[in-house]
Protein backbone atom coordinates (compact mmCIF):
# COMPACT_ATOMS: atom_id res chain seq x y z
CA MET A 1 18.21 15.17 -21.74
CA ALA A 2 14.90 17.02 -21.76
CA ALA A 3 12.84 20.26 -21.61
CA VAL A 4 9.46 19.58 -20.67
CA TYR A 5 6.51 21.96 -20.35
CA ARG A 6 3.15 21.40 -18.34
CA PRO A 7 0.44 23.74 -19.51
CA GLY A 8 -0.78 26.25 -16.85
CA LEU A 9 2.86 26.66 -15.42
CA ARG A 10 4.08 30.17 -15.68
CA LEU A 11 7.58 30.09 -17.51
CA SER A 12 9.17 33.46 -16.36
CA ARG A 13 8.82 36.96 -14.79
CA PRO A 14 7.21 39.11 -17.54
CA GLY A 15 9.75 40.69 -19.88
CA LEU A 16 12.58 38.68 -18.16
CA SER A 17 14.38 35.41 -19.18
CA PRO A 18 14.46 33.02 -16.45
CA TRP A 19 17.98 32.58 -14.60
CA GLY A 20 19.55 35.07 -17.21
CA TRP A 21 19.30 32.74 -19.96
CA SER A 22 19.41 35.56 -22.48
CA SER A 23 23.01 36.32 -21.75
CA TRP A 24 24.07 33.05 -23.29
CA ARG A 25 25.30 32.83 -26.82
CA SER A 26 22.44 32.08 -29.34
CA ILE A 27 22.08 29.59 -31.97
CA GLN A 28 21.48 30.95 -35.46
CA THR A 29 19.27 27.98 -36.52
CA LEU A 30 17.52 25.54 -34.22
CA ARG A 31 17.44 22.07 -35.51
CA VAL A 32 13.81 20.65 -35.02
CA LEU A 33 14.07 16.83 -35.59
CA SER A 34 10.15 16.53 -35.47
CA GLY A 35 7.23 18.83 -34.95
CA ASP A 36 6.81 22.51 -35.74
CA LEU A 37 7.81 25.06 -33.25
CA GLY A 38 5.54 27.50 -35.02
CA GLN A 39 2.54 25.70 -33.90
CA LEU A 40 3.44 25.75 -30.28
CA PRO A 41 1.77 28.63 -27.86
CA ALA A 42 4.10 31.58 -27.65
CA GLY A 43 5.18 31.10 -24.05
CA VAL A 44 6.16 27.56 -24.73
CA ARG A 45 7.95 28.33 -28.22
CA ASP A 46 9.96 31.14 -26.26
CA PHE A 47 10.72 28.65 -23.48
CA VAL A 48 12.03 25.99 -26.01
CA GLU A 49 14.13 28.57 -27.88
CA ARG A 50 15.73 29.99 -24.77
CA SER A 51 16.48 26.49 -23.55
CA ALA A 52 17.97 25.38 -26.73
CA ARG A 53 20.25 28.49 -26.62
CA LEU A 54 21.34 27.72 -23.18
CA CYS A 55 21.78 23.87 -23.33
CA GLN A 56 22.75 23.61 -26.93
CA PRO A 57 21.45 20.26 -27.88
CA GLU A 58 21.91 18.88 -31.38
CA GLY A 59 18.21 19.01 -32.03
CA ILE A 60 14.67 19.34 -30.70
CA HIS A 61 11.98 16.83 -30.73
CA ILE A 62 8.47 18.05 -29.86
CA CYS A 63 6.33 15.31 -28.46
CA ASP A 64 3.03 14.30 -30.00
CA GLY A 65 2.01 11.74 -27.20
CA THR A 66 1.30 9.13 -29.89
CA GLU A 67 1.90 5.33 -29.36
CA ALA A 68 4.20 5.39 -32.25
CA GLU A 69 6.29 7.99 -30.57
CA ASN A 70 6.41 5.95 -27.38
CA THR A 71 7.46 2.77 -29.19
CA ALA A 72 10.33 4.79 -30.85
CA THR A 73 11.48 6.36 -27.76
CA LEU A 74 11.66 2.80 -26.04
CA ALA A 75 13.47 1.45 -29.05
CA LEU A 76 16.03 4.43 -28.81
CA LEU A 77 16.45 3.94 -25.17
CA GLU A 78 17.18 0.20 -25.69
CA LYS A 79 19.59 0.96 -28.39
CA GLN A 80 21.44 3.39 -25.99
CA GLY A 81 21.58 0.67 -23.37
CA LEU A 82 19.44 2.50 -20.94
CA ILE A 83 16.62 0.00 -20.83
CA ARG A 84 16.36 -3.78 -21.55
CA LYS A 85 13.17 -5.69 -22.70
CA LEU A 86 11.84 -8.24 -20.40
CA PRO A 87 10.43 -10.92 -22.67
CA LYS A 88 8.45 -12.53 -19.90
CA TYR A 89 5.89 -9.93 -20.16
CA ASN A 90 4.06 -7.67 -22.52
CA ASN A 91 5.83 -4.46 -23.10
CA CYS A 92 7.85 -4.43 -19.83
CA TRP A 93 11.34 -2.79 -19.45
CA LEU A 94 14.13 -3.01 -16.93
CA ALA A 95 16.52 0.19 -16.15
CA ARG A 96 19.54 -0.11 -13.97
CA THR A 97 20.60 3.28 -12.72
CA ASP A 98 23.92 4.43 -11.50
CA PRO A 99 24.45 3.22 -8.03
CA LYS A 100 24.79 6.69 -6.95
CA ASP A 101 21.39 7.73 -8.23
CA VAL A 102 18.83 5.36 -6.58
CA ALA A 103 16.58 7.71 -4.40
CA ARG A 104 15.32 11.27 -3.80
CA VAL A 105 18.24 13.42 -2.78
CA GLU A 106 16.43 15.57 -0.14
CA SER A 107 19.84 17.45 0.71
CA LYS A 108 20.16 18.65 -2.59
CA THR A 109 16.40 19.64 -3.09
CA VAL A 110 15.67 23.27 -2.42
CA ILE A 111 13.03 25.92 -2.52
CA VAL A 112 13.86 29.38 -3.80
CA THR A 113 12.43 32.45 -2.39
CA PRO A 114 13.59 35.81 -1.48
CA SER A 115 13.01 35.45 2.23
CA GLN A 116 14.24 32.26 4.00
CA ARG A 117 11.26 32.33 6.24
CA ASP A 118 8.89 31.97 3.46
CA THR A 119 10.35 28.48 2.71
CA VAL A 120 11.20 27.25 6.18
CA PRO A 121 10.92 28.17 10.03
CA LEU A 122 14.10 29.60 11.49
CA PRO A 123 14.96 26.86 14.23
CA ALA A 124 15.75 27.87 17.71
CA GLY A 125 19.09 28.20 19.15
CA GLY A 126 21.02 27.92 15.87
CA ALA A 127 19.80 24.24 15.24
CA ARG A 128 20.08 22.81 11.86
CA GLY A 129 16.47 22.95 10.03
CA GLN A 130 14.81 19.69 9.07
CA LEU A 131 11.92 21.05 7.35
CA GLY A 132 13.25 21.70 3.95
CA ASN A 133 16.11 23.54 2.20
CA TRP A 134 16.20 27.15 1.40
CA MET A 135 18.13 28.87 -1.40
CA SER A 136 18.35 32.48 -2.21
CA PRO A 137 17.68 33.66 -5.79
CA ALA A 138 21.08 34.82 -6.01
CA GLU A 139 22.77 31.43 -5.02
CA PHE A 140 20.15 29.79 -7.13
CA GLN A 141 21.32 31.97 -10.23
CA GLN A 142 24.75 31.01 -9.50
CA ALA A 143 24.03 27.30 -9.37
CA VAL A 144 22.28 27.40 -12.57
CA ASP A 145 25.02 29.21 -14.20
CA GLU A 146 27.47 26.60 -13.21
CA ARG A 147 25.45 23.75 -14.58
CA PHE A 148 23.34 24.48 -17.69
CA PRO A 149 25.30 26.34 -20.28
CA GLY A 150 26.18 23.89 -23.02
CA CYS A 151 25.05 20.83 -20.88
CA MET A 152 23.18 19.16 -23.74
CA GLN A 153 25.80 19.35 -26.50
CA GLY A 154 25.88 16.16 -28.28
CA ASN A 155 22.41 15.20 -27.00
CA ARG A 156 18.85 15.77 -28.14
CA GLY A 157 16.51 18.32 -26.58
CA ARG A 158 12.92 17.42 -26.08
CA ASP A 159 9.73 19.46 -25.52
CA THR A 160 6.20 18.04 -24.77
CA GLU A 161 2.79 19.29 -23.40
CA ALA A 162 2.91 16.49 -20.74
CA GLY A 163 4.79 17.03 -17.52
CA ALA A 164 6.13 19.74 -15.58
CA LEU A 165 8.79 22.45 -16.61
CA LYS A 166 11.96 20.44 -16.61
CA ILE A 167 15.48 20.35 -17.67
CA LEU A 168 17.18 17.10 -16.75
CA THR A 169 20.90 16.48 -17.65
CA GLY A 170 24.18 15.36 -16.60
CA GLU A 171 27.37 13.25 -17.46
CA PRO A 172 26.59 9.56 -18.27
CA VAL A 173 27.89 7.05 -15.96
CA SER A 174 27.44 3.47 -17.14
CA HIS A 175 24.92 4.59 -19.70
CA TRP A 176 22.77 6.20 -17.03
CA PRO A 177 22.40 10.01 -17.20
CA CYS A 178 23.34 11.45 -13.93
CA ASN A 179 26.07 13.79 -12.25
CA PRO A 180 25.63 13.13 -8.48
CA GLU A 181 28.16 15.70 -7.47
CA LYS A 182 26.20 18.51 -9.16
CA THR A 183 22.45 17.14 -8.52
CA LEU A 184 20.20 19.97 -7.84
CA ILE A 185 16.33 19.90 -7.70
CA GLY A 186 15.29 23.58 -7.54
CA HIS A 187 11.82 24.95 -6.94
CA VAL A 188 10.62 28.56 -7.61
CA PRO A 189 7.13 28.79 -6.35
CA ASP A 190 6.71 32.39 -6.97
CA GLN A 191 7.21 31.65 -10.79
CA ARG A 192 5.93 28.16 -10.69
CA GLU A 193 9.10 26.73 -11.76
CA ILE A 194 10.86 23.66 -11.39
CA VAL A 195 14.65 22.92 -12.47
CA SER A 196 16.19 19.59 -12.09
CA PHE A 197 19.91 18.76 -12.90
CA GLY A 198 21.83 15.70 -12.62
CA SER A 199 19.53 12.85 -11.55
CA GLY A 200 17.53 10.53 -13.54
CA TYR A 201 15.81 9.02 -10.30
CA GLY A 202 11.93 9.32 -10.45
CA GLY A 203 11.52 11.51 -7.31
CA ASN A 204 14.25 13.84 -8.85
CA SER A 205 13.22 13.79 -12.39
CA LEU A 206 9.62 12.94 -12.71
CA LEU A 207 8.87 16.42 -12.10
CA GLY A 208 5.03 16.05 -12.31
CA LYS A 209 5.04 14.15 -9.20
CA LYS A 210 6.66 15.19 -5.90
CA CYS A 211 8.27 18.35 -7.38
CA PHE A 212 5.13 19.80 -9.02
CA ALA A 213 1.95 17.86 -7.39
CA LEU A 214 3.38 18.31 -3.92
CA ARG A 215 5.82 21.13 -3.41
CA ILE A 216 4.64 23.61 -6.01
CA ALA A 217 1.02 22.61 -5.68
CA SER A 218 1.05 22.91 -1.83
CA ARG A 219 2.04 26.51 -2.40
CA LEU A 220 -0.69 26.98 -4.88
CA ALA A 221 -3.11 25.32 -2.59
CA ARG A 222 -2.33 27.65 0.38
CA ASP A 223 -2.66 30.70 -2.10
CA GLU A 224 -6.04 29.49 -3.40
CA GLY A 225 -7.71 27.72 -0.22
CA TRP A 226 -7.26 24.09 -0.88
CA LEU A 227 -4.97 21.28 0.03
CA ALA A 228 -2.27 19.38 -1.89
CA GLU A 229 -1.14 16.20 0.26
CA HIS A 230 1.07 13.17 0.18
CA MET A 231 -2.04 10.99 0.65
CA LEU A 232 -3.44 7.78 -1.00
CA ILE A 233 -7.37 7.90 -1.82
CA LEU A 234 -9.39 4.82 -1.66
CA GLY A 235 -13.22 4.00 -1.64
CA ILE A 236 -14.45 1.25 0.75
CA THR A 237 -17.76 -0.29 0.63
CA ASN A 238 -19.40 -2.37 3.37
CA PRO A 239 -21.41 -5.57 3.02
CA ALA A 240 -24.58 -3.45 3.10
CA GLY A 241 -23.37 -1.27 0.26
CA LYS A 242 -22.55 1.83 2.07
CA LYS A 243 -19.41 3.34 0.47
CA ARG A 244 -16.98 5.87 2.18
CA TYR A 245 -13.79 7.52 0.64
CA VAL A 246 -10.88 8.13 2.96
CA ALA A 247 -7.47 9.77 2.32
CA ALA A 248 -4.34 8.47 4.30
CA ALA A 249 -0.94 9.89 4.65
CA PHE A 250 2.00 7.55 5.31
CA PRO A 251 5.74 8.35 4.58
CA SER A 252 7.20 6.90 1.36
CA ALA A 253 7.50 3.07 1.74
CA CYS A 254 5.32 2.55 4.42
CA GLY A 255 2.55 0.75 2.83
CA LYS A 256 0.51 3.38 1.07
CA THR A 257 0.21 1.36 -2.17
CA ASN A 258 -0.58 -1.74 -0.24
CA LEU A 259 -3.53 -0.10 1.48
CA ALA A 260 -4.69 1.74 -1.68
CA MET A 261 -5.07 -1.60 -3.53
CA MET A 262 -5.90 -3.81 -0.60
CA ARG A 263 -7.93 -6.99 -1.02
CA PRO A 264 -10.05 -7.04 2.23
CA ALA A 265 -9.95 -10.08 4.24
CA LEU A 266 -13.39 -9.22 5.82
CA PRO A 267 -16.11 -11.14 3.83
CA GLY A 268 -18.35 -8.70 1.94
CA TRP A 269 -16.22 -5.67 1.99
CA LYS A 270 -14.67 -4.18 -1.21
CA VAL A 271 -11.87 -1.53 -1.63
CA GLU A 272 -11.37 0.51 -4.76
CA CYS A 273 -8.21 2.57 -5.68
CA VAL A 274 -8.57 6.33 -6.59
CA GLY A 275 -4.69 6.77 -6.22
CA ASP A 276 -1.81 5.66 -4.07
CA ASP A 277 0.45 8.72 -3.40
CA ILE A 278 -1.08 12.21 -3.91
CA ALA A 279 -4.29 13.84 -3.11
CA TRP A 280 -5.60 17.41 -4.08
CA MET A 281 -8.64 18.29 -2.09
CA ARG A 282 -10.99 21.16 -2.20
CA PHE A 283 -14.14 22.02 -0.43
CA ASP A 284 -17.35 21.95 -2.75
CA SER A 285 -20.34 24.24 -2.67
CA ASP A 286 -21.89 21.92 -0.13
CA GLY A 287 -18.99 21.88 2.17
CA ARG A 288 -17.62 18.40 1.45
CA LEU A 289 -14.08 17.99 1.11
CA ARG A 290 -13.43 16.30 -2.44
CA ALA A 291 -10.34 14.60 -3.37
CA ILE A 292 -8.68 14.02 -7.06
CA ASN A 293 -5.60 12.00 -7.87
CA PRO A 294 -3.48 14.17 -10.16
CA GLU A 295 -1.33 11.38 -11.41
CA ASN A 296 -1.81 8.92 -14.23
CA GLY A 297 0.00 5.78 -12.76
CA PHE A 298 1.90 4.21 -10.00
CA PHE A 299 5.62 4.48 -9.07
CA GLY A 300 5.57 1.81 -6.36
CA VAL A 301 8.30 0.21 -4.13
CA ALA A 302 8.97 -3.24 -5.55
CA PRO A 303 10.73 -5.17 -2.50
CA GLY A 304 7.90 -6.59 -0.41
CA THR A 305 5.33 -6.49 -3.14
CA SER A 306 3.86 -9.98 -3.92
CA ALA A 307 0.75 -11.94 -4.64
CA THR A 308 0.20 -12.26 -0.83
CA THR A 309 0.84 -8.64 0.27
CA ASN A 310 -0.62 -6.82 -2.71
CA PRO A 311 -2.11 -9.09 -5.47
CA ASN A 312 -3.74 -6.09 -7.09
CA ALA A 313 -0.33 -4.52 -7.72
CA MET A 314 1.13 -7.77 -9.01
CA ALA A 315 -1.70 -7.89 -11.52
CA THR A 316 -1.13 -4.14 -12.47
CA ILE A 317 2.61 -4.75 -13.32
CA GLN A 318 2.25 -7.66 -15.72
CA SER A 319 2.27 -5.31 -18.78
CA ASN A 320 3.25 -1.89 -19.87
CA THR A 321 5.61 -1.44 -16.83
CA LEU A 322 9.11 0.07 -16.50
CA PHE A 323 11.03 -1.60 -13.56
CA THR A 324 14.02 0.28 -11.85
CA ASN A 325 16.80 -1.55 -10.12
CA VAL A 326 15.11 -4.76 -9.49
CA ALA A 327 16.75 -8.06 -10.41
CA GLU A 328 16.33 -9.94 -13.62
CA THR A 329 15.78 -13.55 -14.27
CA SER A 330 17.46 -15.64 -16.78
CA ASP A 331 14.00 -16.26 -18.39
CA GLY A 332 13.30 -12.57 -18.92
CA GLY A 333 11.37 -11.73 -15.76
CA VAL A 334 12.00 -9.65 -12.73
CA TYR A 335 12.84 -10.56 -9.10
CA TRP A 336 13.05 -8.92 -5.73
CA GLU A 337 13.13 -9.52 -1.96
CA GLY A 338 9.62 -10.74 -0.88
CA ILE A 339 8.24 -11.46 -4.33
CA ASP A 340 7.19 -14.90 -2.78
CA GLN A 341 7.67 -16.63 -6.12
CA PRO A 342 10.04 -19.73 -6.21
CA LEU A 343 12.63 -19.69 -8.88
CA PRO A 344 11.94 -22.33 -11.49
CA PRO A 345 14.67 -25.05 -11.93
CA GLY A 346 17.65 -23.76 -14.04
CA VAL A 347 16.50 -20.17 -13.91
CA THR A 348 19.35 -17.74 -12.52
CA VAL A 349 19.05 -14.33 -11.24
CA THR A 350 21.14 -11.26 -12.07
CA SER A 351 21.21 -8.54 -9.43
CA TRP A 352 20.25 -4.78 -9.92
CA LEU A 353 24.18 -4.25 -9.98
CA GLY A 354 24.48 -6.68 -12.96
CA LYS A 355 26.17 -9.54 -10.85
CA PRO A 356 24.90 -12.98 -10.35
CA TRP A 357 22.94 -13.58 -7.57
CA LYS A 358 21.28 -16.61 -5.64
CA PRO A 359 19.17 -16.88 -2.70
CA GLY A 360 20.94 -16.71 0.57
CA ASP A 361 23.53 -14.13 -0.75
CA LYS A 362 24.43 -11.38 1.78
CA GLU A 363 23.67 -8.49 -0.61
CA PRO A 364 20.07 -8.31 -1.83
CA CYS A 365 19.09 -8.91 -5.45
CA ALA A 366 17.12 -5.65 -5.73
CA HIS A 367 17.80 -2.07 -4.50
CA PRO A 368 15.59 -1.56 -1.24
CA ASN A 369 14.12 1.53 -3.13
CA SER A 370 13.62 -0.32 -6.51
CA ARG A 371 10.47 0.53 -8.23
CA PHE A 372 7.90 -0.30 -10.77
CA CYS A 373 6.03 2.55 -12.89
CA ALA A 374 2.87 1.38 -14.56
CA PRO A 375 -0.47 2.96 -15.69
CA ALA A 376 -3.11 3.36 -13.24
CA ARG A 377 -5.78 2.23 -15.68
CA GLN A 378 -4.23 -1.12 -15.41
CA CYS A 379 -5.12 -1.78 -11.72
CA PRO A 380 -7.99 -4.10 -11.46
CA ILE A 381 -9.64 -2.33 -8.70
CA MET A 382 -9.54 1.19 -9.90
CA ASP A 383 -12.49 3.23 -8.55
CA PRO A 384 -15.10 4.12 -11.25
CA ALA A 385 -14.58 7.83 -10.15
CA TRP A 386 -11.02 7.77 -10.12
CA GLU A 387 -10.91 10.32 -12.97
CA ALA A 388 -13.98 12.31 -12.03
CA PRO A 389 -13.11 16.04 -12.26
CA GLU A 390 -15.28 16.84 -9.32
CA GLY A 391 -13.32 14.41 -6.97
CA VAL A 392 -14.53 12.07 -4.56
CA PRO A 393 -16.06 13.16 -0.93
CA ILE A 394 -13.62 12.40 1.89
CA ASP A 395 -15.12 11.14 5.01
CA ALA A 396 -12.12 10.46 7.05
CA ILE A 397 -8.29 11.34 6.91
CA ILE A 398 -5.72 8.72 8.38
CA PHE A 399 -2.24 9.47 9.46
CA GLY A 400 0.31 6.63 10.09
CA GLY A 401 3.78 5.41 10.11
CA ARG A 402 6.19 2.68 11.06
CA ARG A 403 6.21 2.70 14.75
CA PRO A 404 7.74 -0.52 16.40
CA LYS A 405 6.86 0.67 20.07
CA GLY A 406 4.13 2.42 21.91
CA VAL A 407 1.72 3.49 19.38
CA PRO A 408 -1.51 1.64 19.20
CA LEU A 409 -3.14 0.05 16.08
CA VAL A 410 -5.62 2.85 15.62
CA TYR A 411 -6.89 5.91 17.53
CA GLU A 412 -9.17 8.70 16.63
CA ALA A 413 -8.42 12.22 17.08
CA PHE A 414 -10.81 14.13 19.48
CA ASN A 415 -11.71 16.90 17.04
CA TRP A 416 -10.06 18.75 14.03
CA ARG A 417 -7.60 20.79 15.95
CA HIS A 418 -6.40 17.54 17.76
CA GLY A 419 -6.09 15.97 14.51
CA VAL A 420 -4.01 18.57 12.91
CA PHE A 421 -1.75 18.27 15.90
CA VAL A 422 -1.62 14.53 15.52
CA GLY A 423 -0.47 15.03 12.07
CA SER A 424 2.18 17.54 12.97
CA ALA A 425 3.58 15.01 15.47
CA MET A 426 3.94 12.09 13.09
CA ARG A 427 7.04 10.03 13.52
CA SER A 428 8.21 7.00 11.67
CA GLU A 429 11.16 4.77 10.89
CA SER A 430 13.18 6.12 7.95
CA THR A 431 12.91 4.44 4.72
CA ALA A 432 14.95 3.50 1.66
CA ALA A 433 13.02 6.27 -0.53
CA ALA A 434 15.56 8.77 0.44
CA GLU A 435 19.35 8.91 1.14
CA HIS A 436 18.73 8.07 4.99
CA LYS A 437 20.73 5.34 6.51
CA GLY A 438 19.53 2.96 9.19
CA LYS A 439 15.99 2.47 10.69
CA VAL A 440 15.93 5.61 13.05
CA ILE A 441 12.49 7.16 14.12
CA MET A 442 12.21 10.40 12.13
CA HIS A 443 9.72 13.23 12.58
CA ASP A 444 7.67 13.28 9.43
CA PRO A 445 4.77 15.64 9.99
CA PHE A 446 1.72 14.94 7.58
CA ALA A 447 4.20 12.55 5.88
CA MET A 448 5.11 15.84 3.99
CA ARG A 449 8.46 16.78 5.62
CA PRO A 450 10.27 16.15 2.25
CA PHE A 451 7.62 17.94 0.25
CA PHE A 452 6.67 21.02 1.92
CA GLY A 453 6.54 23.97 -0.55
CA TYR A 454 6.42 26.73 1.97
CA ASN A 455 7.04 27.35 5.67
CA PHE A 456 5.51 24.47 7.83
CA GLY A 457 4.23 26.85 10.52
CA ARG A 458 2.12 28.50 7.87
CA TYR A 459 1.26 25.16 6.50
CA LEU A 460 -0.16 24.33 9.95
CA GLU A 461 -2.13 27.47 9.95
CA HIS A 462 -3.64 26.60 6.58
CA TRP A 463 -4.96 23.30 7.92
CA LEU A 464 -6.18 24.91 11.05
CA SER A 465 -8.14 27.41 9.11
CA MET A 466 -10.37 24.79 7.55
CA GLU A 467 -12.25 24.59 10.72
CA GLU A 468 -13.18 28.37 10.33
CA ARG A 469 -14.71 27.80 6.74
CA LYS A 470 -18.25 28.54 6.69
CA GLY A 471 -20.44 25.23 6.07
CA ALA A 472 -17.19 23.05 6.07
CA ARG A 473 -18.04 19.37 6.75
CA LEU A 474 -14.70 18.30 7.98
CA PRO A 475 -13.56 14.81 7.82
CA ARG A 476 -12.93 12.85 11.08
CA ILE A 477 -9.14 12.14 11.60
CA PHE A 478 -7.56 8.87 12.59
CA HIS A 479 -4.05 7.46 13.14
CA VAL A 480 -2.99 4.01 12.30
CA ASN A 481 0.21 1.90 13.07
CA TRP A 482 0.27 -1.56 11.38
CA PHE A 483 4.08 -1.92 12.40
CA ARG A 484 4.01 -2.33 16.19
CA ARG A 485 6.17 -5.30 17.60
CA ASP A 486 6.45 -7.49 20.68
CA GLU A 487 9.63 -7.83 22.71
CA ALA A 488 10.73 -10.63 20.45
CA GLY A 489 10.59 -8.41 17.33
CA HIS A 490 7.49 -10.01 15.90
CA PHE A 491 4.59 -7.86 14.38
CA LEU A 492 1.44 -7.80 16.71
CA TRP A 493 -0.81 -7.18 13.71
CA PRO A 494 -0.77 -9.29 10.57
CA GLY A 495 -1.49 -6.31 8.33
CA PHE A 496 -2.16 -6.15 4.50
CA GLY A 497 -5.75 -7.40 3.85
CA GLU A 498 -6.64 -7.68 7.64
CA ASN A 499 -6.20 -3.89 7.73
CA ALA A 500 -9.77 -3.87 6.53
CA ARG A 501 -10.88 -4.77 10.09
CA VAL A 502 -9.42 -1.25 11.27
CA LEU A 503 -11.31 0.55 8.15
CA ASP A 504 -14.48 -1.29 9.27
CA TRP A 505 -14.10 0.21 12.82
CA ILE A 506 -13.56 3.65 11.28
CA CYS A 507 -16.39 3.40 8.93
CA ARG A 508 -18.69 2.44 11.96
CA ARG A 509 -17.30 5.30 13.87
CA LEU A 510 -18.35 7.61 10.97
CA GLU A 511 -21.79 6.23 11.33
CA GLY A 512 -21.85 7.38 14.90
CA GLU A 513 -21.28 3.87 16.44
CA ASP A 514 -20.43 4.23 20.17
CA SER A 515 -17.39 1.86 19.91
CA ALA A 516 -14.61 4.01 21.26
CA ARG A 517 -13.12 4.70 24.59
CA GLU A 518 -11.17 7.87 25.73
CA THR A 519 -7.39 7.45 26.29
CA PRO A 520 -4.81 10.22 26.88
CA ILE A 521 -3.87 10.12 23.19
CA GLY A 522 -7.14 9.71 21.52
CA LEU A 523 -10.22 7.55 21.16
CA VAL A 524 -9.18 3.77 20.69
CA PRO A 525 -11.61 0.83 20.02
CA LYS A 526 -13.75 -0.46 23.04
CA GLU A 527 -13.01 -4.00 24.13
CA GLY A 528 -14.53 -6.27 21.28
CA ALA A 529 -15.18 -3.28 18.98
CA LEU A 530 -12.60 -4.59 16.49
CA ASP A 531 -13.77 -7.35 14.37
CA LEU A 532 -11.21 -10.25 14.86
CA SER A 533 -13.14 -13.15 13.74
CA GLY A 534 -11.04 -15.63 12.21
CA LEU A 535 -7.80 -14.12 13.00
CA GLY A 536 -6.71 -16.37 15.93
CA ALA A 537 -4.86 -15.02 18.89
CA ILE A 538 -4.40 -11.43 18.76
CA ASP A 539 -2.77 -9.75 21.85
CA THR A 540 -5.06 -6.73 21.80
CA THR A 541 -3.84 -5.90 25.37
CA GLN A 542 -0.36 -5.28 23.99
CA LEU A 543 -1.60 -3.84 20.70
CA PHE A 544 -3.46 -0.97 22.38
CA SER A 545 -1.44 -0.52 25.39
CA LEU A 546 0.15 3.02 26.19
CA PRO A 547 3.15 2.55 28.30
CA LYS A 548 3.61 5.70 30.40
CA ASP A 549 7.44 5.77 30.13
CA PHE A 550 7.01 5.56 26.36
CA TRP A 551 4.59 8.37 26.10
CA GLU A 552 6.35 10.70 28.48
CA GLN A 553 9.56 10.36 26.20
CA GLU A 554 7.20 10.76 23.19
CA VAL A 555 5.82 14.10 24.35
CA ARG A 556 9.40 15.26 25.17
CA ASP A 557 10.57 14.52 21.82
CA ILE A 558 7.40 16.16 20.18
CA ARG A 559 7.94 19.23 22.18
CA SER A 560 11.64 19.30 21.43
CA TYR A 561 10.99 18.95 17.65
CA LEU A 562 8.06 21.51 17.30
CA THR A 563 9.53 24.21 19.60
CA GLU A 564 12.96 23.92 18.02
CA GLN A 565 12.20 23.25 14.25
CA VAL A 566 9.07 25.43 13.95
CA ASN A 567 9.93 27.73 16.67
CA GLN A 568 8.22 31.23 16.40
CA ASP A 569 6.06 29.95 13.52
CA LEU A 570 4.21 27.27 15.76
CA PRO A 571 0.58 28.07 15.84
CA LYS A 572 -0.59 28.58 19.43
CA GLU A 573 -3.39 26.05 18.79
CA VAL A 574 -0.78 23.31 17.99
CA LEU A 575 1.14 24.31 21.20
CA ALA A 576 -2.00 24.18 23.12
CA GLU A 577 -2.74 20.67 21.85
CA LEU A 578 0.86 19.69 22.80
CA GLU A 579 0.29 21.05 26.37
CA ALA A 580 -2.92 19.24 26.72
CA LEU A 581 -1.46 15.89 25.76
CA GLU A 582 1.53 16.52 28.30
CA GLY A 583 -1.12 17.04 30.96
CA ARG A 584 -2.88 13.80 30.09
CA VAL A 585 0.14 11.72 29.93
CA ARG A 586 1.25 13.03 33.51
CA ARG A 587 -2.16 11.83 34.81
CA MET A 588 -1.90 8.31 33.18
C-alpha cells in the first residue's frame, strides 16, 4: 500500500485536486510514523496529505532511502509473509504472488486523454484496436471513485522521493496484495500522472519502469524532440579495440537481457552492458544520437537463464536480489526451467505454487514469467559509461523478435525511412510477459505495442522526422531473428554468445565494408561474409532463404494490420515503403 512521488512529475492541474480528491472526508490529524511532512516540497506535501485523506491509511512513512530503512522494510515484509529469505545466498528473497497476478495486464492498462485519437488510431471498419486502450477523463474519474476512497484503511501509507507517482492497493489474497477484478493501471500524460490499483506485479506496480519510462516518457519525448524506447543498450569492442554502441528493440522475454549481457563466442570481442530494457535517446550538439538507461537494475525473466545462456546474469543475481514466482530448493536456493543446474542429492523443490515438485512433473516448477530483480551495479560487465549523463553514442539500431519461419538471421534496412517501416512491421511470437495465451504471431511494432503513450501513427511521424533534423547523424537500422527453425522444429542458429557473429557483421557494415547483397526485404550478408569459424555445420541457405509464399503472406498481413489498425493516421511514407516491399516481393 504506497504513495510514491518521483521528482519532476507534475502532480495536478493548478488549483485543482487530481480526480476530485478534495471531495472526500478529511482526516483531522495525519499520523506520520517517520519523517517530517514539513520538510517535503510543497507540492509533494500537498499530494501526501490529499492522498491520505482519500485512502485513509493508519499512518505515513516518509522514506529516507537508507540501508537501515531497506533492512527494516524487508524484515516487515518477511513478518507479514510476503517474502521469504533465501539462506543459500546473500540478502536474497523470494516472493510468491497470487496466481491471478503474474504478468502485465494490458487489457486493464489505459491512457487517459480528452480525445481518443490522441491516444490510439481509430481502426478501420469498426475493428477492435490493438495499439493501446483509451479512457475518457470522466470514465477514469468514475473508476478512481470506485476504487480509492478508504482503500488503505488498516494499512500504512508510504511516500518517497524515488519512483513514480503511485498508489498501489487492493485486497490481500494469500498475503499477496492484489485485487484482480478491479486492477487498473491508468496514465494521464497531460498531467504526467500514473495511477495503479490492484496489482503487485512489477510491470503494473514498478511505475518508474514501463509506466513512466516508456508510456509517459514517450509522450514527453515527442513533445520535446527525443525518443523513449523499449530497447537494450550495449557496447561492443572488436579485437582491434574499436568500440561501438548499439540499441536493440525486442518484445519482452525475447532475449534482450541475454544480448545485453552476452559473453561473445568470437575470440577477442567484448560486450559491455549499458541497459537491458529501456533507452532514452537524444541528439547531441554534433548530431550524434546518444542513449541513457534510466533504470537502476534488472527485472529479468528467470526461466531459461543459466550459466550457459547468460553467465553474467547468473553472476549478477547471487546477492541482493528479489525473486518472484520461481521455485525454492530445500537448501534455501532457487530453481526454474532451464537453469541447467543438477539438484544435489537429497535436495527437494517446492514450486512457485507452494507444492512439492520433481523433474518430469507436468506442471512447471517456476511460472513462465517468473522474475529476478537485481541492482545493475552487480553485473560484472556493466559499461564504464552506463551512468554517464551525456549518454553513449548509438551507431546502430536493431529490431527483432521470435520468428520461427521465413525471416532471415539478419538484414539491414536500405535507409532510415525503410528502417522505420521495418520497425512498424515487427511481428513476434507472444510471450508470458503479458496475459496472452499460446504461441501466436503477434504484431509488435518497435516492440512498443503495449507501451505507446500516444497515437502510434503520430509516433511513426516522430521517428520519420528524425531524418529532417539538421546535422543529424542517423544510426543504421538492422533486423535480427535468432529463432528461425527447420521443418523438424530445431533452431537453425545456436544463438546466445554466437550472436556476436551477427554483431561482428553489423560493425563491419558500419565501417563501410562491402559485405551485403540486396534482397527484396533488405541487405543480407554476402556468401561467406558471416564469420562461422568453429561453429560446425550451419545451413546458411535455409537460414537466409526468403520463401516467396511466406513473404507474399507476410506483406498481406502487414498491409492488413497497418491499414486497419493505424488507418487514417498511417504516414504516407510508411505506406509507400509497404507498397515498395509488395512490388519487390511480387518480382521475387
